[in-house]
Amino acid sequence: MLPSATECFAGDLPEQEQRLVWATHTPPAADLFSRNAPGTAWRSKPSWYIVAGNDRTVHPELQRFVAKGMGAATYEVHSSHLPMLFQPGLVIDVIRTAADAVQGNRGSLEHERAMEIGRILARKISCVGWLRIFRPMKGQFL
């Protein structure tokens, strides 16, 4: 990604955080759209989708179309492509909602996977929040 494209990808973040996103991003795998993944979990499992309404990387209408096709519980946020960085609280709430929805299956493999994914994402999102809180004390990102 060119540095100038960061605004399309993470335009609602402060400039310093956009530079951090650019410096740490990795390109998608070259064969991303030619791979076939075995099985399609959303066909048989409940799904949740966060539509990033200000996304200039994946058009929001395409996101809505995909979410509807999945039968996903859909949440919309006015965010760029990275709602987990711009509105981490909403993302954590959606993860908790998803985990709560499978509580009836407590102890099942699906429930355990949902909980583990939630824990991993919450840790990553919390790290972003921590950086935002402590950045003034620690100096600049870049």
Protein backbone atom coordinates (compact mmCIF):
# COMPACT_ATOMS: atom_id res chain seq x y z
CA MET A 1 0.00 0.00 0.00
CA LEU A 2 1.30 3.41 -0.88
CA PRO A 3 1.47 5.85 2.03
CA SER A 4 -1.15 8.01 0.28
CA ALA A 5 -3.62 5.09 0.32
CA THR A 6 -3.61 4.92 4.10
CA GLU A 7 -6.30 7.61 4.22
CA CYS A 8 -8.64 5.28 2.29
CA PHE A 9 -7.83 2.35 4.58
CA ALA A 10 -7.67 4.10 7.96
CA GLY A 11 -8.84 7.65 7.25
CA ASP A 12 -10.68 8.18 10.53
CA LEU A 13 -7.61 7.56 12.66
CA PRO A 14 -5.26 10.37 13.68
CA GLU A 15 -2.36 10.92 11.28
CA GLN A 16 0.22 9.30 13.58
CA GLU A 17 -1.89 6.15 13.87
CA GLN A 18 -2.38 6.10 10.09
CA ARG A 19 1.42 6.11 9.75
CA LEU A 20 1.63 3.25 12.23
CA VAL A 21 -0.96 1.27 10.24
CA TRP A 22 1.01 1.91 7.06
CA ALA A 23 4.34 0.94 8.66
CA THR A 24 2.97 -2.33 10.07
CA HIS A 25 0.57 -3.49 7.36
CA THR A 26 1.28 -6.54 5.23
CA PRO A 27 -0.09 -7.15 1.74
CA PRO A 28 -2.68 -9.90 1.28
CA ALA A 29 -1.51 -13.25 -0.06
CA ALA A 30 -1.11 -13.18 -3.85
CA ASP A 31 -3.44 -16.18 -4.25
CA LEU A 32 -6.11 -14.81 -1.89
CA PHE A 33 -8.95 -14.90 -4.43
CA SER A 34 -7.94 -18.12 -6.16
CA ARG A 35 -7.88 -20.33 -3.02
CA ASN A 36 -10.73 -22.59 -2.07
CA ALA A 37 -11.32 -22.93 1.66
CA PRO A 38 -12.79 -26.27 2.71
CA GLY A 39 -16.25 -25.83 4.20
CA THR A 40 -18.18 -22.64 4.79
CA ALA A 41 -18.84 -22.09 8.48
CA TRP A 42 -21.44 -19.34 8.05
CA ARG A 43 -23.74 -21.78 6.23
CA SER A 44 -24.24 -23.83 9.40
CA LYS A 45 -23.19 -21.54 12.25
CA PRO A 46 -24.47 -18.20 13.50
CA SER A 47 -22.54 -15.22 12.14
CA TRP A 48 -22.02 -11.55 13.00
CA TYR A 49 -20.81 -8.82 10.67
CA ILE A 50 -19.71 -5.24 11.26
CA VAL A 51 -20.29 -3.04 8.22
CA ALA A 52 -17.82 -0.18 8.06
CA GLY A 53 -20.04 2.54 6.61
CA ASN A 54 -17.20 4.87 5.59
CA ASP A 55 -14.98 2.13 4.17
CA ARG A 56 -13.15 3.18 1.01
CA THR A 57 -11.38 -0.18 0.69
CA VAL A 58 -14.40 -2.54 0.53
CA HIS A 59 -17.57 -0.71 -0.47
CA PRO A 60 -20.18 -0.70 2.34
CA GLU A 61 -22.91 -1.90 -0.06
CA LEU A 62 -20.79 -4.97 -0.85
CA GLN A 63 -20.33 -5.56 2.87
CA ARG A 64 -24.10 -5.35 3.42
CA PHE A 65 -24.69 -7.75 0.52
CA VAL A 66 -22.22 -10.27 1.93
CA ALA A 67 -23.63 -9.97 5.46
CA LYS A 68 -27.17 -10.51 4.17
CA GLY A 69 -26.08 -13.54 2.14
CA MET A 70 -24.50 -14.99 5.28
CA GLY A 71 -27.65 -14.35 7.29
CA ALA A 72 -25.40 -12.52 9.73
CA ALA A 73 -26.52 -10.33 12.58
CA THR A 74 -25.31 -7.03 11.18
CA TYR A 75 -24.00 -3.98 12.97
CA GLU A 76 -23.08 -0.78 11.20
CA VAL A 77 -20.52 1.74 12.31
CA HIS A 78 -19.38 4.98 10.69
CA SER A 79 -15.79 3.90 10.28
CA SER A 80 -13.11 3.27 7.72
CA HIS A 81 -11.91 -0.27 6.97
CA LEU A 82 -10.59 -0.64 10.53
CA PRO A 83 -13.50 -0.32 12.99
CA MET A 84 -11.52 -2.35 15.53
CA LEU A 85 -9.07 0.55 15.76
CA PHE A 86 -11.50 3.45 15.40
CA GLN A 87 -14.38 2.11 17.52
CA PRO A 88 -12.94 -0.79 19.55
CA GLY A 89 -15.74 -0.64 22.12
CA LEU A 90 -18.36 -1.50 19.49
CA VAL A 91 -16.24 -4.38 18.18
CA ILE A 92 -15.81 -5.81 21.68
CA ASP A 93 -19.58 -5.49 22.24
CA VAL A 94 -20.27 -7.46 19.04
CA ILE A 95 -17.79 -10.15 20.12
CA ARG A 96 -19.48 -10.38 23.51
CA THR A 97 -22.91 -10.56 21.85
CA ALA A 98 -21.68 -13.40 19.65
CA ALA A 99 -20.20 -15.26 22.63
CA ASP A 100 -23.39 -14.74 24.65
CA ALA A 101 -25.47 -16.08 21.75
CA VAL A 102 -23.66 -19.41 21.91
CA GLN A 103 -23.80 -19.60 25.73
CA GLY A 104 -26.52 -22.24 25.41
CA ASN A 105 -23.83 -24.40 23.87
CA ARG A 106 -21.45 -23.78 26.78
CA GLY A 107 -18.73 -26.40 26.70
CA SER A 108 -19.27 -27.09 23.00
CA LEU A 109 -16.42 -26.69 20.55
CA GLU A 110 -18.27 -23.75 18.91
CA HIS A 111 -18.64 -21.96 22.23
CA GLU A 112 -15.00 -22.52 23.17
CA ARG A 113 -13.82 -21.25 19.78
CA ALA A 114 -16.03 -18.16 20.03
CA MET A 115 -14.72 -17.44 23.51
CA GLU A 116 -11.09 -17.90 22.43
CA ILE A 117 -11.53 -15.66 19.39
CA GLY A 118 -13.17 -13.08 21.64
CA ARG A 119 -10.28 -13.23 24.10
CA ILE A 120 -7.68 -12.85 21.33
CA LEU A 121 -9.48 -9.94 19.68
CA ALA A 122 -10.19 -8.22 22.99
CA ARG A 123 -6.47 -8.41 23.84
CA LYS A 124 -5.51 -6.93 20.47
CA ILE A 125 -8.13 -4.21 20.72
CA SER A 126 -7.11 -3.47 24.31
CA CYS A 127 -3.52 -3.02 23.15
CA VAL A 128 -4.65 -0.36 20.69
CA GLY A 129 -6.59 1.36 23.48
CA TRP A 130 -3.57 1.15 25.76
CA LEU A 131 -1.38 2.76 23.11
CA ARG A 132 -3.89 5.58 22.71
CA ILE A 133 -4.05 6.16 26.45
CA PHE A 134 -0.33 6.08 27.12
CA ARG A 135 0.98 7.61 23.89
CA PRO A 136 1.24 11.15 25.34
CA MET A 137 3.40 9.78 28.15
CA LYS A 138 5.60 7.65 25.90
CA GLY A 139 6.21 10.08 23.04
CA GLN A 140 5.44 9.62 19.38
CA PHE A 141 4.69 6.38 17.51
CA LEU A 142 7.03 7.10 14.65
